[in-house]
Structure formats: structure tokens, C-alpha cells
Amino acid sequence: MHAQGDINDPHSYAKTLIFLIGLLGIGNFNVILILLVFTICYTILVLYSGCTKISKISEGGSAIAVPLMLILSAWFSKLIFSVLLKNL
């Protein structure tokens, strides 16, 4: 277990990149796009590693599970946000 703010925390890198994207603003779209690609790639690698090492899913199963997790989480997020926006 990592302490909060620990430099070895795998999520600290993604949090830092997302923070930098927010600080840069829309004027630096090229830099934001590069940081976004790194963040997405890192997220996919962490999910794959979690599936194989923590959940003990085979590599082939993890290769299918990661895109399914991303698609389902995006779909649920869209569903929740559409319901919330409808109620405003």
C-alpha cells in the first residue's frame, strides 16, 4: 500500500499529467494532446497489469478485459451524465 503523495504511487503520474493538462489551458492544444496520449496509454497499461497480476487473469483474457472495461466505463459515464443533464 502506498502512502498518499508517494512518488512511487502509480496513480501519481496520471494525476500529475491531468493536473498539467488543466494548467496549460486550451491555447496549448498540441502539448495537451501529447499528454493525453501518455495518460491514456498509462491507464491501459495499469489496467492490463492489474488484470494479470492482481486478478490473475491470463494475458489473453486481460487483452480482452481491458477494452471491455474501458468501453463499459465510458458507456456508464455517458449514461450517468445524460441522466444528470436531463434533470437540470
PDB file of N, CA and C in Angstrom:
ATOM      1  N   MET A   1       0.845  -1.174   0.000  1.00  0.00           N
ATOM      2  CA  MET A   1       0.000   0.000   0.000  1.00  0.00           C
ATOM      3  C   MET A   1       0.892   1.240   0.000  1.00  0.00           C
ATOM      4  N   HIS A   2       0.607   2.152  -0.858  1.00  0.00           N
ATOM      5  CA  HIS A   2       1.392   3.370  -0.964  1.00  0.00           C
ATOM      6  C   HIS A   2       0.752   4.472  -0.121  1.00  0.00           C
ATOM      7  N   ALA A   3       1.616   5.271   0.470  1.00  0.00           N
ATOM      8  CA  ALA A   3       1.121   6.429   1.208  1.00  0.00           C
ATOM      9  C   ALA A   3       0.633   7.481   0.218  1.00  0.00           C
ATOM     10  N   GLN A   4      -0.335   8.275   0.629  1.00  0.00           N
ATOM     11  CA  GLN A   4      -0.848   9.314  -0.252  1.00  0.00           C
ATOM     12  C   GLN A   4       0.262  10.322  -0.530  1.00  0.00           C
ATOM     13  N   GLY A   5       0.461  10.634  -1.818  1.00  0.00           N
ATOM     14  CA  GLY A   5       1.502  11.554  -2.212  1.00  0.00           C
ATOM     15  C   GLY A   5       2.842  10.882  -2.434  1.00  0.00           C
ATOM     16  N   ASP A   6       2.901   9.558  -2.293  1.00  0.00           N
ATOM     17  CA  ASP A   6       4.135   8.815  -2.501  1.00  0.00           C
ATOM     18  C   ASP A   6       4.536   8.890  -3.968  1.00  0.00           C
ATOM     19  N   ILE A   7       5.798   9.184  -4.242  1.00  0.00           N
ATOM     20  CA  ILE A   7       6.271   9.336  -5.617  1.00  0.00           C
ATOM     21  C   ILE A   7       6.213   8.009  -6.378  1.00  0.00           C
ATOM     22  N   ASN A   8       6.237   6.882  -5.668  1.00  0.00           N
ATOM     23  CA  ASN A   8       6.172   5.573  -6.321  1.00  0.00           C
ATOM     24  C   ASN A   8       4.751   5.103  -6.572  1.00  0.00           C
ATOM     25  N   ASP A   9       3.775   5.876  -6.165  1.00  0.00           N
ATOM     26  CA  ASP A   9       2.372   5.556  -6.401  1.00  0.00           C
ATOM     27  C   ASP A   9       2.114   5.605  -7.905  1.00  0.00           C
ATOM     28  N   PRO A  10       1.640   4.511  -8.501  1.00  0.00           N
ATOM     29  CA  PRO A  10       1.440   4.507  -9.957  1.00  0.00           C
ATOM     30  C   PRO A  10       0.419   5.524 -10.430  1.00  0.00           C
ATOM     31  N   HIS A  11      -0.507   5.894  -9.563  1.00  0.00           N
ATOM     32  CA  HIS A  11      -1.524   6.858  -9.972  1.00  0.00           C
ATOM     33  C   HIS A  11      -1.029   8.297  -9.922  1.00  0.00           C
ATOM     34  N   SER A  12       0.090   8.538  -9.245  1.00  0.00           N
ATOM     35  CA  SER A  12       0.584   9.905  -9.129  1.00  0.00           C
ATOM     36  C   SER A  12       1.016  10.452 -10.483  1.00  0.00           C
ATOM     37  N   TYR A  13       1.514   9.592 -11.362  1.00  0.00           N
ATOM     38  CA  TYR A  13       1.908  10.045 -12.689  1.00  0.00           C
ATOM     39  C   TYR A  13       0.703  10.514 -13.495  1.00  0.00           C
ATOM     40  N   ALA A  14      -0.356   9.731 -13.475  1.00  0.00           N
ATOM     41  CA  ALA A  14      -1.563  10.112 -14.213  1.00  0.00           C
ATOM     42  C   ALA A  14      -2.184  11.374 -13.614  1.00  0.00           C
ATOM     43  N   LYS A  15      -2.196  11.464 -12.296  1.00  0.00           N
ATOM     44  CA  LYS A  15      -2.746  12.657 -11.654  1.00  0.00           C
ATOM     45  C   LYS A  15      -1.948  13.894 -12.027  1.00  0.00           C
ATOM     46  N   THR A  16      -0.633  13.748 -12.078  1.00  0.00           N
ATOM     47  CA  THR A  16       0.222  14.873 -12.443  1.00  0.00           C
ATOM     48  C   THR A  16      -0.020  15.309 -13.876  1.00  0.00           C
ATOM     49  N   LEU A  17      -0.155  14.339 -14.786  1.00  0.00           N
ATOM     50  CA  LEU A  17      -0.414  14.680 -16.186  1.00  0.00           C
ATOM     51  C   LEU A  17      -1.753  15.378 -16.352  1.00  0.00           C
ATOM     52  N   ILE A  18      -2.772  14.894 -15.664  1.00  0.00           N
ATOM     53  CA  ILE A  18      -4.090  15.523 -15.760  1.00  0.00           C
ATOM     54  C   ILE A  18      -4.046  16.938 -15.168  1.00  0.00           C
ATOM     55  N   PHE A  19      -3.312  17.114 -14.084  1.00  0.00           N
ATOM     56  CA  PHE A  19      -3.155  18.438 -13.490  1.00  0.00           C
ATOM     57  C   PHE A  19      -2.465  19.391 -14.467  1.00  0.00           C
ATOM     58  N   LEU A  20      -1.415  18.907 -15.142  1.00  0.00           N
ATOM     59  CA  LEU A  20      -0.709  19.739 -16.126  1.00  0.00           C
ATOM     60  C   LEU A  20      -1.616  20.125 -17.292  1.00  0.00           C
ATOM     61  N   ILE A  21      -2.454  19.190 -17.722  1.00  0.00           N
ATOM     62  CA  ILE A  21      -3.390  19.486 -18.811  1.00  0.00           C
ATOM     63  C   ILE A  21      -4.320  20.620 -18.403  1.00  0.00           C
ATOM     64  N   GLY A  22      -4.800  20.581 -17.168  1.00  0.00           N
ATOM     65  CA  GLY A  22      -5.674  21.650 -16.682  1.00  0.00           C
ATOM     66  C   GLY A  22      -4.967  22.990 -16.578  1.00  0.00           C
ATOM     67  N   LEU A  23      -3.703  22.974 -16.202  1.00  0.00           N
ATOM     68  CA  LEU A  23      -2.951  24.221 -16.071  1.00  0.00           C
ATOM     69  C   LEU A  23      -2.609  24.859 -17.419  1.00  0.00           C
ATOM     70  N   LEU A  24      -2.370  24.019 -18.419  1.00  0.00           N
ATOM     71  CA  LEU A  24      -1.925  24.540 -19.712  1.00  0.00           C
ATOM     72  C   LEU A  24      -3.008  25.320 -20.438  1.00  0.00           C
ATOM     73  N   GLY A  25      -4.244  24.918 -20.291  1.00  0.00           N
ATOM     74  CA  GLY A  25      -5.334  25.616 -20.969  1.00  0.00           C
ATOM     75  C   GLY A  25      -5.428  25.219 -22.432  1.00  0.00           C
ATOM     76  N   ILE A  26      -6.455  25.698 -23.100  1.00  0.00           N
ATOM     77  CA  ILE A  26      -6.753  25.304 -24.476  1.00  0.00           C
ATOM     78  C   ILE A  26      -5.754  25.879 -25.479  1.00  0.00           C
ATOM     79  N   GLY A  27      -5.001  26.911 -25.095  1.00  0.00           N
ATOM     80  CA  GLY A  27      -4.046  27.523 -26.006  1.00  0.00           C
ATOM     81  C   GLY A  27      -2.893  26.611 -26.369  1.00  0.00           C
ATOM     82  N   ASN A  28      -2.592  25.648 -25.528  1.00  0.00           N
ATOM     83  CA  ASN A  28      -1.507  24.698 -25.780  1.00  0.00           C
ATOM     84  C   ASN A  28      -2.069  23.336 -26.178  1.00  0.00           C
ATOM     85  N   PHE A  29      -2.884  23.327 -27.216  1.00  0.00           N
ATOM     86  CA  PHE A  29      -3.596  22.103 -27.592  1.00  0.00           C
ATOM     87  C   PHE A  29      -2.642  20.981 -27.978  1.00  0.00           C
ATOM     88  N   ASN A  30      -1.535  21.283 -28.664  1.00  0.00           N
ATOM     89  CA  ASN A  30      -0.593  20.237 -29.078  1.00  0.00           C
ATOM     90  C   ASN A  30       0.043  19.558 -27.871  1.00  0.00           C
ATOM     91  N   VAL A  31       0.426  20.339 -26.878  1.00  0.00           N
ATOM     92  CA  VAL A  31       1.026  19.766 -25.672  1.00  0.00           C
ATOM     93  C   VAL A  31      -0.020  18.956 -24.912  1.00  0.00           C
ATOM     94  N   ILE A  32      -1.232  19.471 -24.846  1.00  0.00           N
ATOM     95  CA  ILE A  32      -2.306  18.751 -24.167  1.00  0.00           C
ATOM     96  C   ILE A  32      -2.572  17.422 -24.861  1.00  0.00           C
ATOM     97  N   LEU A  33      -2.561  17.396 -26.178  1.00  0.00           N
ATOM     98  CA  LEU A  33      -2.798  16.157 -26.917  1.00  0.00           C
ATOM     99  C   LEU A  33      -1.712  15.130 -26.621  1.00  0.00           C
ATOM    100  N   ILE A  34      -0.466  15.562 -26.568  1.00  0.00           N
ATOM    101  CA  ILE A  34       0.636  14.644 -26.253  1.00  0.00           C
ATOM    102  C   ILE A  34       0.480  14.089 -24.843  1.00  0.00           C
ATOM    103  N   LEU A  35       0.176  14.957 -23.884  1.00  0.00           N
ATOM    104  CA  LEU A  35      -0.030  14.497 -22.506  1.00  0.00           C
ATOM    105  C   LEU A  35      -1.233  13.567 -22.393  1.00  0.00           C
ATOM    106  N   LEU A  36      -2.263  13.838 -23.165  1.00  0.00           N
ATOM    107  CA  LEU A  36      -3.445  12.990 -23.159  1.00  0.00           C
ATOM    108  C   LEU A  36      -3.134  11.594 -23.682  1.00  0.00           C
ATOM    109  N   VAL A  37      -2.327  11.508 -24.727  1.00  0.00           N
ATOM    110  CA  VAL A  37      -1.932  10.200 -25.262  1.00  0.00           C
ATOM    111  C   VAL A  37      -1.138   9.417 -24.218  1.00  0.00           C
ATOM    112  N   PHE A  38      -0.196  10.075 -23.537  1.00  0.00           N
ATOM    113  CA  PHE A  38       0.564   9.403 -22.488  1.00  0.00           C
ATOM    114  C   PHE A  38      -0.351   8.932 -21.366  1.00  0.00           C
ATOM    115  N   THR A  39      -1.325   9.756 -20.979  1.00  0.00           N
ATOM    116  CA  THR A  39      -2.236   9.394 -19.906  1.00  0.00           C
ATOM    117  C   THR A  39      -3.097   8.193 -20.281  1.00  0.00           C
ATOM    118  N   ILE A  40      -3.593   8.172 -21.500  1.00  0.00           N
ATOM    119  CA  ILE A  40      -4.424   7.048 -21.948  1.00  0.00           C
ATOM    120  C   ILE A  40      -3.609   5.765 -22.020  1.00  0.00           C
ATOM    121  N   CYS A  41      -2.400   5.857 -22.571  1.00  0.00           N
ATOM    122  CA  CYS A  41      -1.534   4.672 -22.653  1.00  0.00           C
ATOM    123  C   CYS A  41      -1.201   4.147 -21.259  1.00  0.00           C
ATOM    124  N   TYR A  42      -0.897   5.047 -20.329  1.00  0.00           N
ATOM    125  CA  TYR A  42      -0.563   4.638 -18.972  1.00  0.00           C
ATOM    126  C   TYR A  42      -1.767   3.974 -18.292  1.00  0.00           C
ATOM    127  N   THR A  43      -2.949   4.513 -18.524  1.00  0.00           N
ATOM    128  CA  THR A  43      -4.165   3.925 -17.954  1.00  0.00           C
ATOM    129  C   THR A  43      -4.371   2.505 -18.476  1.00  0.00           C
ATOM    130  N   ILE A  44      -4.184   2.314 -19.764  1.00  0.00           N
ATOM    131  CA  ILE A  44      -4.347   0.981 -20.349  1.00  0.00           C
ATOM    132  C   ILE A  44      -3.324   0.007 -19.775  1.00  0.00           C
ATOM    133  N   LEU A  45      -2.080   0.447 -19.637  1.00  0.00           N
ATOM    134  CA  LEU A  45      -1.048  -0.431 -19.083  1.00  0.00           C
ATOM    135  C   LEU A  45      -1.327  -0.790 -17.625  1.00  0.00           C
ATOM    136  N   VAL A  46      -1.819   0.165 -16.840  1.00  0.00           N
ATOM    137  CA  VAL A  46      -2.135  -0.119 -15.436  1.00  0.00           C
ATOM    138  C   VAL A  46      -3.304  -1.096 -15.343  1.00  0.00           C
ATOM    139  N   LEU A  47      -4.320  -0.915 -16.175  1.00  0.00           N
ATOM    140  CA  LEU A  47      -5.450  -1.856 -16.170  1.00  0.00           C
ATOM    141  C   LEU A  47      -5.007  -3.265 -16.559  1.00  0.00           C
ATOM    142  N   TYR A  48      -4.169  -3.369 -17.582  1.00  0.00           N
ATOM    143  CA  TYR A  48      -3.676  -4.671 -18.029  1.00  0.00           C
ATOM    144  C   TYR A  48      -2.842  -5.337 -16.937  1.00  0.00           C
ATOM    145  N   SER A  49      -1.975  -4.559 -16.323  1.00  0.00           N
ATOM    146  CA  SER A  49      -1.140  -5.095 -15.246  1.00  0.00           C
ATOM    147  C   SER A  49      -2.002  -5.546 -14.067  1.00  0.00           C
ATOM    148  N   GLY A  50      -3.023  -4.769 -13.741  1.00  0.00           N
ATOM    149  CA  GLY A  50      -3.921  -5.146 -12.656  1.00  0.00           C
ATOM    150  C   GLY A  50      -4.684  -6.420 -12.957  1.00  0.00           C
ATOM    151  N   CYS A  51      -5.098  -6.576 -14.206  1.00  0.00           N
ATOM    152  CA  CYS A  51      -5.824  -7.795 -14.581  1.00  0.00           C
ATOM    153  C   CYS A  51      -4.925  -9.026 -14.491  1.00  0.00           C
ATOM    154  N   THR A  52      -3.682  -8.882 -14.962  1.00  0.00           N
ATOM    155  CA  THR A  52      -2.806 -10.053 -14.982  1.00  0.00           C
ATOM    156  C   THR A  52      -2.218 -10.368 -13.611  1.00  0.00           C
ATOM    157  N   LYS A  53      -1.800  -9.340 -12.862  1.00  0.00           N
ATOM    158  CA  LYS A  53      -1.098  -9.597 -11.606  1.00  0.00           C
ATOM    159  C   LYS A  53      -2.024  -9.669 -10.398  1.00  0.00           C
ATOM    160  N   ILE A  54      -3.007  -8.798 -10.335  1.00  0.00           N
ATOM    161  CA  ILE A  54      -3.876  -8.768  -9.150  1.00  0.00           C
ATOM    162  C   ILE A  54      -5.030  -9.749  -9.294  1.00  0.00           C
ATOM    163  N   SER A  55      -5.711  -9.704 -10.439  1.00  0.00           N
ATOM    164  CA  SER A  55      -6.873 -10.576 -10.645  1.00  0.00           C
ATOM    165  C   SER A  55      -6.493 -11.951 -11.171  1.00  0.00           C
ATOM    166  N   LYS A  56      -5.222 -12.128 -11.517  1.00  0.00           N
ATOM    167  CA  LYS A  56      -4.717 -13.418 -12.021  1.00  0.00           C
ATOM    168  C   LYS A  56      -5.459 -13.882 -13.266  1.00  0.00           C
ATOM    169  N   ILE A  57      -5.826 -12.940 -14.134  1.00  0.00           N
ATOM    170  CA  ILE A  57      -6.434 -13.272 -15.416  1.00  0.00           C
ATOM    171  C   ILE A  57      -5.304 -13.547 -16.401  1.00  0.00           C
ATOM    172  N   SER A  58      -5.488 -14.489 -17.293  1.00  0.00           N
ATOM    173  CA  SER A  58      -4.444 -14.798 -18.269  1.00  0.00           C
ATOM    174  C   SER A  58      -4.183 -13.584 -19.163  1.00  0.00           C
ATOM    175  N   GLU A  59      -3.038 -13.588 -19.854  1.00  0.00           N
ATOM    176  CA  GLU A  59      -2.703 -12.462 -20.716  1.00  0.00           C
ATOM    177  C   GLU A  59      -3.721 -12.283 -21.838  1.00  0.00           C
ATOM    178  N   GLY A  60      -4.171 -13.383 -22.411  1.00  0.00           N
ATOM    179  CA  GLY A  60      -5.187 -13.310 -23.460  1.00  0.00           C
ATOM    180  C   GLY A  60      -6.511 -12.778 -22.928  1.00  0.00           C
ATOM    181  N   GLY A  61      -6.883 -13.236 -21.748  1.00  0.00           N
ATOM    182  CA  GLY A  61      -8.114 -12.749 -21.130  1.00  0.00           C
ATOM    183  C   GLY A  61      -8.016 -11.280 -20.756  1.00  0.00           C
ATOM    184  N   SER A  62      -6.834 -10.870 -20.303  1.00  0.00           N
ATOM    185  CA  SER A  62      -6.627  -9.466 -19.952  1.00  0.00           C
ATOM    186  C   SER A  62      -6.687  -8.572 -21.175  1.00  0.00           C
ATOM    187  N   ALA A  63      -6.178  -9.084 -22.304  1.00  0.00           N
ATOM    188  CA  ALA A  63      -6.219  -8.304 -23.543  1.00  0.00           C
ATOM    189  C   ALA A  63      -7.650  -8.041 -23.984  1.00  0.00           C
ATOM    190  N   ILE A  64      -8.565  -8.908 -23.619  1.00  0.00           N
ATOM    191  CA  ILE A  64      -9.982  -8.701 -23.940  1.00  0.00           C
ATOM    192  C   ILE A  64     -10.675  -7.914 -22.829  1.00  0.00           C
ATOM    193  N   ALA A  65     -10.266  -8.141 -21.587  1.00  0.00           N
ATOM    194  CA  ALA A  65     -10.927  -7.495 -20.445  1.00  0.00           C
ATOM    195  C   ALA A  65     -10.686  -5.989 -20.400  1.00  0.00           C
ATOM    196  N   VAL A  66      -9.470  -5.552 -20.759  1.00  0.00           N
ATOM    197  CA  VAL A  66      -9.148  -4.123 -20.667  1.00  0.00           C
ATOM    198  C   VAL A  66     -10.028  -3.284 -21.592  1.00  0.00           C
ATOM    199  N   PRO A  67     -10.146  -3.607 -22.890  1.00  0.00           N
ATOM    200  CA  PRO A  67     -11.042  -2.799 -23.723  1.00  0.00           C
ATOM    201  C   PRO A  67     -12.500  -2.877 -23.272  1.00  0.00           C
ATOM    202  N   LEU A  68     -12.915  -4.040 -22.788  1.00  0.00           N
ATOM    203  CA  LEU A  68     -14.286  -4.161 -22.286  1.00  0.00           C
ATOM    204  C   LEU A  68     -14.509  -3.258 -21.074  1.00  0.00           C
ATOM    205  N   MET A  69     -13.539  -3.203 -20.165  1.00  0.00           N
ATOM    206  CA  MET A  69     -13.663  -2.318 -19.004  1.00  0.00           C
ATOM    207  C   MET A  69     -13.727  -0.861 -19.432  1.00  0.00           C
ATOM    208  N   LEU A  70     -12.900  -0.483 -20.396  1.00  0.00           N
ATOM    209  CA  LEU A  70     -12.898   0.908 -20.863  1.00  0.00           C
ATOM    210  C   LEU A  70     -14.203   1.266 -21.560  1.00  0.00           C
ATOM    211  N   ILE A  71     -14.703   0.360 -22.395  1.00  0.00           N
ATOM    212  CA  ILE A  71     -15.958   0.614 -23.115  1.00  0.00           C
ATOM    213  C   ILE A  71     -17.130   0.688 -22.147  1.00  0.00           C
ATOM    214  N   LEU A  72     -17.191  -0.257 -21.212  1.00  0.00           N
ATOM    215  CA  LEU A  72     -18.296  -0.248 -20.246  1.00  0.00           C
ATOM    216  C   LEU A  72     -18.253   0.974 -19.332  1.00  0.00           C
ATOM    217  N   SER A  73     -17.058   1.353 -18.881  1.00  0.00           N
ATOM    218  CA  SER A  73     -16.981   2.526 -18.014  1.00  0.00           C
ATOM    219  C   SER A  73     -17.336   3.798 -18.782  1.00  0.00           C
ATOM    220  N   ALA A  74     -16.949   3.889 -20.055  1.00  0.00           N
ATOM    221  CA  ALA A  74     -17.333   5.051 -20.870  1.00  0.00           C
ATOM    222  C   ALA A  74     -18.843   5.073 -21.089  1.00  0.00           C
ATOM    223  N   TRP A  75     -19.433   3.905 -21.326  1.00  0.00           N
ATOM    224  CA  TRP A  75     -20.875   3.833 -21.555  1.00  0.00           C
ATOM    225  C   TRP A  75     -21.645   4.205 -20.290  1.00  0.00           C
ATOM    226  N   PHE A  76     -21.219   3.665 -19.128  1.00  0.00           N
ATOM    227  CA  PHE A  76     -21.880   4.024 -17.872  1.00  0.00           C
ATOM    228  C   PHE A  76     -21.727   5.508 -17.569  1.00  0.00           C
ATOM    229  N   SER A  77     -20.557   6.068 -17.846  1.00  0.00           N
ATOM    230  CA  SER A  77     -20.345   7.501 -17.617  1.00  0.00           C
ATOM    231  C   SER A  77     -21.268   8.329 -18.497  1.00  0.00           C
ATOM    232  N   LYS A  78     -21.389   7.953 -19.759  1.00  0.00           N
ATOM    233  CA  LYS A  78     -22.291   8.652 -20.683  1.00  0.00           C
ATOM    234  C   LYS A  78     -23.727   8.563 -20.190  1.00  0.00           C
ATOM    235  N   LEU A  79     -24.118   7.393 -19.743  1.00  0.00           N
ATOM    236  CA  LEU A  79     -25.468   7.184 -19.238  1.00  0.00           C
ATOM    237  C   LEU A  79     -25.744   8.055 -18.014  1.00  0.00           C
ATOM    238  N   ILE A  80     -24.813   8.070 -17.079  1.00  0.00           N
ATOM    239  CA  ILE A  80     -24.997   8.856 -15.855  1.00  0.00           C
ATOM    240  C   ILE A  80     -25.031  10.346 -16.168  1.00  0.00           C
ATOM    241  N   PHE A  81     -24.095  10.816 -17.020  1.00  0.00           N
ATOM    242  CA  PHE A  81     -24.068  12.238 -17.348  1.00  0.00           C
ATOM    243  C   PHE A  81     -25.309  12.671 -18.124  1.00  0.00           C
ATOM    244  N   SER A  82     -25.832  11.803 -18.992  1.00  0.00           N
ATOM    245  CA  SER A  82     -27.035  12.173 -19.741  1.00  0.00           C
ATOM    246  C   SER A  82     -28.237  12.277 -18.809  1.00  0.00           C
ATOM    247  N   VAL A  83     -28.326  11.382 -17.831  1.00  0.00           N
ATOM    248  CA  VAL A  83     -29.416  11.452 -16.848  1.00  0.00           C
ATOM    249  C   VAL A  83     -29.276  12.701 -15.984  1.00  0.00           C
ATOM    250  N   LEU A  84     -28.061  13.012 -15.561  1.00  0.00           N
ATOM    251  CA  LEU A  84     -27.840  14.200 -14.739  1.00  0.00           C
ATOM    252  C   LEU A  84     -28.167  15.475 -15.511  1.00  0.00           C
ATOM    253  N   LEU A  85     -27.753  15.550 -16.772  1.00  0.00           N
ATOM    254  CA  LEU A  85     -28.016  16.745 -17.564  1.00  0.00           C
ATOM    255  C   LEU A  85     -29.483  16.907 -17.895  1.00  0.00           C
ATOM    256  N   LYS A  86     -30.183  15.783 -18.041  1.00  0.00           N
ATOM    257  CA  LYS A  86     -31.618  15.823 -18.306  1.00  0.00           C
ATOM    258  C   LYS A  86     -32.385  16.402 -17.125  1.00  0.00           C
ATOM    259  N   ASN A  87     -31.874  16.141 -15.927  1.00  0.00           N
ATOM    260  CA  ASN A  87     -32.558  16.570 -14.699  1.00  0.00           C
ATOM    261  C   ASN A  87     -32.240  18.017 -14.314  1.00  0.00           C
ATOM    262  N   LEU A  88     -31.388  18.682 -15.059  1.00  0.00           N
ATOM    263  CA  LEU A  88     -31.048  20.074 -14.722  1.00  0.00           C
ATOM    264  C   LEU A  88     -32.087  21.038 -15.196  1.00  0.00           C
TER     265      LEU A  88
END
